[in-house]
Amino acid sequence: MDQVSTVQRLKRREYSVEFKASVLEQCRQPGASLAGIALGHGINPNMVHRWIREERQRRVLTELQQTAATFVPLQLSGAGNADAIAMKHLPEAPQPAHTGETIHIEIQRGGATVSVRWPLTGAAQCAQVLRELLR
């Protein structure tokens, strides 16, 4: 059995870019009530929140595009794998006095694993290395 509906579905309202900009500008005024402004224009406050969120996302995307660096492939000479790359900017780990007093941390990212063994007496230096690695 087919049912035919005689009730037409309401179309979504579309707002011009100028109208949205005007509403958002009103919302930026000190002491402005977002809900009051939205209701004054006959729209739901959630719609204005959505416009604010979308504007923020556009702004962030624009900033990222302006500051994005160009990709430059890095050629590593003599390094066949990730283990052969030396991290010269990190302090060298002091040798542990006792093997039971060692900090051991393994960090996996993608297909690479970084293993750090550090004496417990040099915990502050270990924290510095981890900060640099996880940057």
N, C-alpha and C. Protein backbone atom coordinates (compact mmCIF):
# COMPACT_ATOMS: atom_id res chain seq x y z
N MET A 1 0.80 -1.17 0.00
CA MET A 1 0.00 0.00 0.00
C MET A 1 0.86 1.25 0.00
N ASP A 2 0.64 2.09 -0.91
CA ASP A 2 1.35 3.36 -0.98
C ASP A 2 0.55 4.44 -0.29
N GLN A 3 1.23 5.23 0.48
CA GLN A 3 0.58 6.35 1.13
C GLN A 3 1.11 7.63 0.51
N VAL A 4 0.22 8.50 0.19
CA VAL A 4 0.60 9.77 -0.39
C VAL A 4 0.33 10.85 0.65
N SER A 5 1.34 11.64 0.92
CA SER A 5 1.19 12.69 1.90
C SER A 5 0.84 13.99 1.20
N THR A 6 -0.15 14.67 1.71
CA THR A 6 -0.54 15.95 1.12
C THR A 6 0.14 17.10 1.85
N VAL A 7 0.85 16.78 2.94
CA VAL A 7 1.54 17.82 3.70
C VAL A 7 2.93 18.01 3.11
N GLN A 8 3.22 19.24 2.71
CA GLN A 8 4.53 19.51 2.16
C GLN A 8 5.52 19.78 3.29
N ARG A 9 6.69 19.31 3.09
CA ARG A 9 7.73 19.51 4.09
C ARG A 9 8.26 20.94 3.96
N LEU A 10 8.51 21.57 5.11
CA LEU A 10 9.04 22.92 5.10
C LEU A 10 10.48 22.92 4.56
N LYS A 11 10.79 23.92 3.76
CA LYS A 11 12.14 24.05 3.25
C LYS A 11 13.01 24.70 4.32
N ARG A 12 14.26 24.36 4.29
CA ARG A 12 15.19 24.99 5.21
C ARG A 12 15.38 26.45 4.80
N ARG A 13 15.43 27.29 5.80
CA ARG A 13 15.65 28.70 5.52
C ARG A 13 17.13 28.92 5.23
N GLU A 14 17.39 29.75 4.28
CA GLU A 14 18.77 30.10 3.96
C GLU A 14 18.98 31.56 4.27
N TYR A 15 20.12 31.88 4.81
CA TYR A 15 20.44 33.24 5.20
C TYR A 15 21.63 33.72 4.40
N SER A 16 21.60 34.99 4.02
CA SER A 16 22.69 35.55 3.24
C SER A 16 23.93 35.73 4.12
N VAL A 17 25.06 35.81 3.46
CA VAL A 17 26.32 36.01 4.16
C VAL A 17 26.29 37.34 4.92
N GLU A 18 25.68 38.35 4.31
CA GLU A 18 25.59 39.67 4.94
C GLU A 18 24.74 39.60 6.21
N PHE A 19 23.63 38.87 6.17
CA PHE A 19 22.76 38.74 7.33
C PHE A 19 23.50 38.05 8.47
N LYS A 20 24.20 36.95 8.15
CA LYS A 20 24.95 36.23 9.18
C LYS A 20 26.02 37.13 9.80
N ALA A 21 26.73 37.87 8.94
CA ALA A 21 27.77 38.76 9.44
C ALA A 21 27.18 39.83 10.35
N SER A 22 26.01 40.34 10.00
CA SER A 22 25.35 41.36 10.81
C SER A 22 24.97 40.80 12.19
N VAL A 23 24.39 39.61 12.20
CA VAL A 23 23.99 38.98 13.47
C VAL A 23 25.22 38.70 14.33
N LEU A 24 26.29 38.17 13.71
CA LEU A 24 27.50 37.86 14.47
C LEU A 24 28.16 39.13 15.01
N GLU A 25 28.11 40.21 14.25
CA GLU A 25 28.66 41.48 14.73
C GLU A 25 27.87 41.98 15.93
N GLN A 26 26.56 41.84 15.90
CA GLN A 26 25.73 42.24 17.04
C GLN A 26 26.06 41.41 18.27
N CYS A 27 26.35 40.14 18.06
CA CYS A 27 26.68 39.25 19.18
C CYS A 27 28.02 39.60 19.81
N ARG A 28 28.92 40.22 19.06
CA ARG A 28 30.24 40.58 19.58
C ARG A 28 30.22 41.83 20.43
N GLN A 29 29.13 42.56 20.43
CA GLN A 29 29.06 43.80 21.20
C GLN A 29 29.05 43.48 22.69
N PRO A 30 29.71 44.33 23.49
CA PRO A 30 29.76 44.09 24.94
C PRO A 30 28.34 44.06 25.53
N GLY A 31 28.10 43.07 26.35
CA GLY A 31 26.82 42.95 27.03
C GLY A 31 25.69 42.41 26.17
N ALA A 32 26.02 41.98 24.95
CA ALA A 32 24.98 41.48 24.04
C ALA A 32 24.48 40.12 24.50
N SER A 33 23.17 39.92 24.36
CA SER A 33 22.55 38.63 24.67
C SER A 33 22.37 37.88 23.36
N LEU A 34 23.11 36.79 23.21
CA LEU A 34 23.03 36.01 21.98
C LEU A 34 21.61 35.52 21.74
N ALA A 35 20.98 35.01 22.78
CA ALA A 35 19.60 34.51 22.64
C ALA A 35 18.66 35.65 22.27
N GLY A 36 18.84 36.82 22.90
CA GLY A 36 17.98 37.96 22.60
C GLY A 36 18.13 38.43 21.17
N ILE A 37 19.36 38.46 20.68
CA ILE A 37 19.61 38.87 19.29
C ILE A 37 18.99 37.87 18.34
N ALA A 38 19.19 36.58 18.60
CA ALA A 38 18.64 35.54 17.73
C ALA A 38 17.12 35.63 17.68
N LEU A 39 16.49 35.72 18.83
CA LEU A 39 15.03 35.78 18.87
C LEU A 39 14.51 37.07 18.24
N GLY A 40 15.28 38.15 18.36
CA GLY A 40 14.90 39.41 17.73
C GLY A 40 14.88 39.32 16.21
N HIS A 41 15.67 38.43 15.67
CA HIS A 41 15.71 38.21 14.22
C HIS A 41 14.82 37.04 13.80
N GLY A 42 14.17 36.41 14.78
CA GLY A 42 13.27 35.30 14.46
C GLY A 42 13.99 34.00 14.14
N ILE A 43 15.17 33.80 14.71
CA ILE A 43 15.91 32.56 14.47
C ILE A 43 16.24 31.90 15.80
N ASN A 44 16.54 30.63 15.76
CA ASN A 44 16.86 29.86 16.95
C ASN A 44 18.27 30.20 17.41
N PRO A 45 18.47 30.40 18.72
CA PRO A 45 19.82 30.70 19.23
C PRO A 45 20.86 29.64 18.86
N ASN A 46 20.43 28.38 18.72
CA ASN A 46 21.37 27.33 18.32
C ASN A 46 21.96 27.60 16.95
N MET A 47 21.19 28.24 16.07
CA MET A 47 21.69 28.58 14.74
C MET A 47 22.82 29.60 14.85
N VAL A 48 22.64 30.58 15.73
CA VAL A 48 23.68 31.60 15.91
C VAL A 48 24.94 30.95 16.51
N HIS A 49 24.77 30.04 17.45
CA HIS A 49 25.93 29.33 18.01
C HIS A 49 26.66 28.57 16.89
N ARG A 50 25.91 27.98 16.01
CA ARG A 50 26.51 27.25 14.89
C ARG A 50 27.29 28.20 13.99
N TRP A 51 26.74 29.38 13.71
CA TRP A 51 27.44 30.35 12.87
C TRP A 51 28.73 30.81 13.53
N ILE A 52 28.69 31.01 14.84
CA ILE A 52 29.89 31.42 15.58
C ILE A 52 30.95 30.32 15.48
N ARG A 53 30.54 29.08 15.67
CA ARG A 53 31.46 27.94 15.59
C ARG A 53 32.07 27.83 14.19
N GLU A 54 31.23 27.97 13.15
CA GLU A 54 31.72 27.89 11.78
C GLU A 54 32.68 29.03 11.46
N GLU A 55 32.38 30.23 11.97
CA GLU A 55 33.27 31.37 11.74
C GLU A 55 34.63 31.13 12.40
N ARG A 56 34.61 30.60 13.61
CA ARG A 56 35.85 30.29 14.32
C ARG A 56 36.66 29.25 13.54
N GLN A 57 35.99 28.22 13.02
CA GLN A 57 36.68 27.19 12.26
C GLN A 57 37.29 27.76 10.98
N ARG A 58 36.56 28.65 10.31
CA ARG A 58 37.10 29.29 9.10
C ARG A 58 38.33 30.13 9.44
N ARG A 59 38.27 30.85 10.55
CA ARG A 59 39.39 31.70 10.96
C ARG A 59 40.62 30.85 11.25
N VAL A 60 40.43 29.75 11.99
CA VAL A 60 41.55 28.88 12.32
C VAL A 60 42.13 28.25 11.06
N LEU A 61 41.28 27.81 10.14
CA LEU A 61 41.75 27.21 8.90
C LEU A 61 42.54 28.22 8.07
N THR A 62 42.06 29.45 8.03
CA THR A 62 42.77 30.51 7.29
C THR A 62 44.13 30.76 7.90
N GLU A 63 44.20 30.84 9.23
CA GLU A 63 45.48 31.05 9.90
C GLU A 63 46.44 29.90 9.63
N LEU A 64 45.93 28.67 9.64
CA LEU A 64 46.79 27.52 9.37
C LEU A 64 47.32 27.55 7.94
N GLN A 65 46.47 27.94 7.00
CA GLN A 65 46.89 28.00 5.61
C GLN A 65 47.95 29.08 5.41
N GLN A 66 47.84 30.17 6.14
CA GLN A 66 48.80 31.26 6.00
C GLN A 66 50.14 30.92 6.61
N THR A 67 50.13 30.12 7.68
CA THR A 67 51.37 29.80 8.37
C THR A 67 51.92 28.43 8.01
N ALA A 68 51.23 27.70 7.15
CA ALA A 68 51.68 26.35 6.81
C ALA A 68 53.00 26.39 6.06
N ALA A 69 53.91 25.57 6.49
CA ALA A 69 55.21 25.48 5.82
C ALA A 69 55.11 24.54 4.63
N THR A 70 55.93 24.77 3.66
CA THR A 70 55.98 23.91 2.49
C THR A 70 56.69 22.62 2.86
N PHE A 71 56.17 21.51 2.38
CA PHE A 71 56.78 20.21 2.65
C PHE A 71 58.10 20.11 1.90
N VAL A 72 59.15 19.76 2.61
CA VAL A 72 60.45 19.56 2.01
C VAL A 72 60.91 18.17 2.42
N PRO A 73 61.11 17.26 1.44
CA PRO A 73 61.56 15.92 1.81
C PRO A 73 62.97 15.96 2.39
N LEU A 74 63.20 15.18 3.42
CA LEU A 74 64.49 15.14 4.10
C LEU A 74 65.24 13.90 3.66
N GLN A 75 66.42 14.11 3.12
CA GLN A 75 67.25 12.99 2.70
C GLN A 75 68.25 12.68 3.81
N LEU A 76 68.21 11.48 4.34
CA LEU A 76 69.11 11.07 5.40
C LEU A 76 70.27 10.30 4.78
N SER A 77 71.47 10.79 4.97
CA SER A 77 72.63 10.11 4.40
C SER A 77 73.14 9.07 5.38
N GLY A 78 73.30 7.85 4.90
CA GLY A 78 73.85 6.78 5.71
C GLY A 78 72.91 6.23 6.77
N ALA A 79 71.67 6.68 6.80
CA ALA A 79 70.72 6.19 7.80
C ALA A 79 69.70 5.32 7.10
N GLY A 80 69.81 4.03 7.26
CA GLY A 80 68.89 3.12 6.61
C GLY A 80 67.58 2.94 7.36
N ASN A 81 67.60 3.21 8.65
CA ASN A 81 66.37 3.06 9.44
C ASN A 81 66.33 4.11 10.54
N ALA A 82 65.25 4.12 11.26
CA ALA A 82 65.04 5.12 12.31
C ALA A 82 66.02 4.95 13.47
N ASP A 83 66.50 3.73 13.69
CA ASP A 83 67.43 3.49 14.80
C ASP A 83 68.79 4.15 14.55
N ALA A 84 69.15 4.42 13.30
CA ALA A 84 70.45 4.98 12.98
C ALA A 84 70.49 6.49 13.14
N ILE A 85 69.37 7.13 13.38
CA ILE A 85 69.32 8.58 13.51
C ILE A 85 69.69 8.97 14.94
N ALA A 86 70.69 9.80 15.08
CA ALA A 86 71.13 10.24 16.42
C ALA A 86 70.37 11.50 16.80
N MET A 87 69.98 11.60 18.05
CA MET A 87 69.29 12.78 18.55
C MET A 87 70.31 13.62 19.30
N LYS A 88 71.01 14.49 18.57
CA LYS A 88 72.12 15.24 19.13
C LYS A 88 71.68 16.34 20.08
N HIS A 89 70.45 16.83 19.96
CA HIS A 89 70.00 17.93 20.80
C HIS A 89 69.56 17.48 22.19
N LEU A 90 69.50 16.18 22.42
CA LEU A 90 69.08 15.68 23.73
C LEU A 90 70.29 15.36 24.58
N PRO A 91 70.19 15.56 25.90
CA PRO A 91 71.32 15.23 26.76
C PRO A 91 71.56 13.72 26.77
N GLU A 92 72.82 13.35 26.92
CA GLU A 92 73.16 11.93 26.95
C GLU A 92 72.83 11.34 28.31
N ALA A 93 72.29 10.14 28.29
CA ALA A 93 71.88 9.50 29.54
C ALA A 93 73.09 9.01 30.31
N PRO A 94 73.15 9.34 31.59
CA PRO A 94 74.23 8.79 32.41
C PRO A 94 74.03 7.29 32.60
N GLN A 95 75.12 6.58 32.78
CA GLN A 95 75.05 5.13 32.94
C GLN A 95 74.51 4.79 34.34
N PRO A 96 73.55 3.84 34.41
CA PRO A 96 72.98 3.50 35.71
C PRO A 96 74.00 2.78 36.60
N ALA A 97 73.93 3.10 37.89
CA ALA A 97 74.82 2.44 38.85
C ALA A 97 74.33 1.04 39.17
N HIS A 98 73.03 0.85 39.15
CA HIS A 98 72.43 -0.43 39.50
C HIS A 98 71.27 -0.68 38.54
N THR A 99 71.18 -1.87 37.96
CA THR A 99 70.16 -2.13 36.95
C THR A 99 68.74 -2.11 37.51
N GLY A 100 68.57 -2.34 38.80
CA GLY A 100 67.24 -2.31 39.40
C GLY A 100 66.71 -0.90 39.58
N GLU A 101 67.58 0.10 39.48
CA GLU A 101 67.19 1.49 39.66
C GLU A 101 67.16 2.21 38.32
N THR A 102 66.48 1.62 37.37
CA THR A 102 66.44 2.16 36.00
C THR A 102 65.01 2.50 35.59
N ILE A 103 64.86 3.63 34.94
CA ILE A 103 63.58 4.00 34.33
C ILE A 103 63.61 3.46 32.91
N HIS A 104 62.59 2.71 32.53
CA HIS A 104 62.51 2.16 31.17
C HIS A 104 61.18 2.57 30.56
N ILE A 105 61.25 3.29 29.44
CA ILE A 105 60.05 3.77 28.76
C ILE A 105 60.15 3.43 27.28
N GLU A 106 59.06 2.90 26.72
CA GLU A 106 58.99 2.65 25.27
C GLU A 106 57.83 3.45 24.71
N ILE A 107 58.12 4.20 23.65
CA ILE A 107 57.11 5.02 22.99
C ILE A 107 56.97 4.52 21.56
N GLN A 108 55.75 4.19 21.16
CA GLN A 108 55.50 3.72 19.80
C GLN A 108 54.69 4.76 19.04
N ARG A 109 55.17 5.13 17.88
CA ARG A 109 54.47 6.04 16.98
C ARG A 109 54.62 5.50 15.57
N GLY A 110 53.48 5.24 14.96
CA GLY A 110 53.54 4.67 13.62
C GLY A 110 54.25 3.33 13.68
N GLY A 111 55.26 3.16 12.85
CA GLY A 111 56.01 1.91 12.82
C GLY A 111 57.29 1.96 13.64
N ALA A 112 57.57 3.11 14.26
CA ALA A 112 58.82 3.26 15.00
C ALA A 112 58.59 3.14 16.50
N THR A 113 59.59 2.63 17.19
CA THR A 113 59.55 2.52 18.65
C THR A 113 60.81 3.18 19.21
N VAL A 114 60.61 4.04 20.17
CA VAL A 114 61.72 4.69 20.86
C VAL A 114 61.79 4.08 22.25
N SER A 115 62.95 3.54 22.59
CA SER A 115 63.14 2.92 23.90
C SER A 115 64.13 3.77 24.69
N VAL A 116 63.72 4.15 25.90
CA VAL A 116 64.56 4.99 26.75
C VAL A 116 64.82 4.26 28.06
N ARG A 117 66.12 4.11 28.40
CA ARG A 117 66.52 3.55 29.69
C ARG A 117 67.33 4.64 30.39
N TRP A 118 66.94 4.93 31.61
CA TRP A 118 67.56 6.03 32.33
C TRP A 118 67.69 5.66 33.80
N PRO A 119 68.79 6.06 34.45
CA PRO A 119 68.94 5.76 35.88
C PRO A 119 67.93 6.57 36.69
N LEU A 120 67.45 5.98 37.73
CA LEU A 120 66.46 6.64 38.59
C LEU A 120 67.01 7.93 39.18
N THR A 121 68.32 7.99 39.38
CA THR A 121 68.92 9.20 39.95
C THR A 121 68.86 10.38 38.98
N GLY A 122 68.67 10.13 37.69
CA GLY A 122 68.60 11.20 36.69
C GLY A 122 67.19 11.40 36.17
N ALA A 123 66.20 11.29 37.05
CA ALA A 123 64.79 11.39 36.63
C ALA A 123 64.48 12.75 36.00
N ALA A 124 65.10 13.82 36.48
CA ALA A 124 64.85 15.15 35.93
C ALA A 124 65.34 15.23 34.48
N GLN A 125 66.51 14.66 34.21
CA GLN A 125 67.02 14.64 32.84
C GLN A 125 66.15 13.77 31.95
N CYS A 126 65.63 12.68 32.49
CA CYS A 126 64.73 11.80 31.74
C CYS A 126 63.47 12.56 31.34
N ALA A 127 62.95 13.34 32.27
CA ALA A 127 61.76 14.15 31.97
C ALA A 127 62.05 15.14 30.86
N GLN A 128 63.25 15.72 30.84
CA GLN A 128 63.63 16.66 29.79
C GLN A 128 63.67 15.96 28.43
N VAL A 129 64.23 14.78 28.39
CA VAL A 129 64.28 14.01 27.14
C VAL A 129 62.88 13.70 26.65
N LEU A 130 62.00 13.27 27.55
CA LEU A 130 60.64 12.93 27.16
C LEU A 130 59.89 14.15 26.62
N ARG A 131 60.11 15.31 27.25
CA ARG A 131 59.47 16.53 26.75
C ARG A 131 59.92 16.81 25.32
N GLU A 132 61.19 16.63 25.04
CA GLU A 132 61.70 16.88 23.69
C GLU A 132 61.17 15.85 22.70
N LEU A 133 61.10 14.60 23.11
CA LEU A 133 60.60 13.55 22.22
C LEU A 133 59.13 13.71 21.88
N LEU A 134 58.34 14.12 22.86
CA LEU A 134 56.89 14.19 22.67
C LEU A 134 56.42 15.53 22.15
N ARG A 135 57.31 16.41 21.85
CA ARG A 135 56.95 17.72 21.30
C ARG A 135 56.31 17.63 19.98
